[in-house]
Protein backbone atom coordinates (compact mmCIF):
# COMPACT_ATOMS: atom_id res chain seq x y z
CA UNK A 1 18.50 14.99 10.12
CA UNK A 2 15.58 12.53 11.25
CA UNK A 3 12.56 12.09 10.19
CA UNK A 4 9.35 11.21 12.50
CA UNK A 5 6.00 9.75 11.45
CA UNK A 6 3.03 9.86 13.46
CA UNK A 7 1.02 6.65 13.36
CA UNK A 8 -1.96 5.36 15.19
CA UNK A 9 -1.99 2.74 17.31
CA UNK A 10 -3.87 0.43 14.85
CA UNK A 11 -1.43 1.22 12.18
CA UNK A 12 1.19 0.44 14.39
CA UNK A 13 -0.54 -3.03 15.18
CA UNK A 14 -0.50 -3.56 11.39
CA UNK A 15 3.00 -3.09 10.86
CA UNK A 16 4.10 -5.17 13.75
CA UNK A 17 1.50 -7.92 13.29
CA UNK A 18 2.96 -11.30 13.15
CA UNK A 19 3.09 -11.52 9.36
CA UNK A 20 5.72 -8.93 9.19
CA UNK A 21 6.49 -8.17 5.17
CA UNK A 22 9.53 -6.64 4.22
CA UNK A 23 9.39 -2.86 3.03
CA UNK A 24 9.95 -3.50 -0.69
CA UNK A 25 9.07 -1.01 -3.71
CA UNK A 26 6.83 -3.04 -5.99
CA UNK A 27 6.01 -1.83 -9.33
CA UNK A 28 2.50 -1.99 -11.20
CA UNK A 29 2.25 -5.57 -12.52
CA UNK A 30 3.22 -6.59 -8.38
CA UNK A 31 0.82 -4.35 -6.53
CA UNK A 32 -2.11 -5.20 -8.86
CA UNK A 33 -1.29 -9.20 -8.30
CA UNK A 34 -1.34 -8.15 -4.50
CA UNK A 35 -4.21 -6.55 -4.88
CA UNK A 36 -5.73 -9.32 -6.68
CA UNK A 37 -6.90 -6.48 -9.28
CA UNK A 38 -6.38 -5.28 -12.92
CA UNK A 39 -3.79 -2.93 -13.65
CA UNK A 40 -6.31 -0.63 -15.52
CA UNK A 41 -8.56 -0.45 -12.16
CA UNK A 42 -5.23 0.15 -10.13
CA UNK A 43 -3.77 3.40 -12.47
CA UNK A 44 -7.59 4.59 -11.85
CA UNK A 45 -7.77 3.57 -7.80
CA UNK A 46 -4.29 5.30 -7.85
CA UNK A 47 -4.99 8.54 -9.53
CA UNK A 48 -7.95 8.79 -7.70
CA UNK A 49 -6.13 8.61 -4.11
CA UNK A 50 -7.82 5.50 -3.46
CA UNK A 51 -4.37 3.73 -3.71
CA UNK A 52 -1.22 5.09 -2.22
CA UNK A 53 1.29 5.31 -4.99
CA UNK A 54 4.29 7.45 -6.65
CA UNK A 55 4.53 8.15 -10.27
CA UNK A 56 8.01 7.99 -11.40
CA UNK A 57 8.65 9.03 -14.79
CA UNK A 58 5.95 7.60 -16.91
CA UNK A 59 6.13 4.62 -14.27
CA UNK A 60 3.91 4.16 -11.37
CA UNK A 61 5.81 2.90 -7.99
CA UNK A 62 4.16 1.17 -4.79
CA UNK A 63 5.35 0.78 -1.68
CA UNK A 64 4.60 -2.95 -0.09
CA UNK A 65 3.81 -1.70 3.75
CA UNK A 66 1.32 1.17 2.48
CA UNK A 67 -0.61 -1.58 0.06
CA UNK A 68 -0.51 -4.04 3.40
CA UNK A 69 -1.87 -1.57 5.05
CA UNK A 70 -4.51 -0.67 2.93
CA UNK A 71 -5.59 -4.09 2.74
CA UNK A 72 -5.17 -4.71 6.32
CA UNK A 73 -7.69 -1.59 6.53
CA UNK A 74 -10.27 -2.29 4.12
CA UNK A 75 -10.57 -5.96 5.74
CA UNK A 76 -11.18 -4.42 9.40
CA UNK A 77 -13.78 -2.29 7.89
CA UNK A 78 -15.79 -5.36 6.20
CA UNK A 79 -15.92 -7.42 9.66
């Protein structure tokens, strides 16, 4: 069974950007480093739903593409 994901044109443009990034699963340290925030801030923002993440056991995991989209969206809103 195939799953389809509906994405907006803006999200698609981000994914097909010239700066393509691999789809990786990052741990909390990698995510915090990429977002340039502290680990406590990362956990607080993840738990409040502002940063996409999945809790696996007692650890949080993050999609590199989801974080890239989050940063791209945040950057486009600052313009």
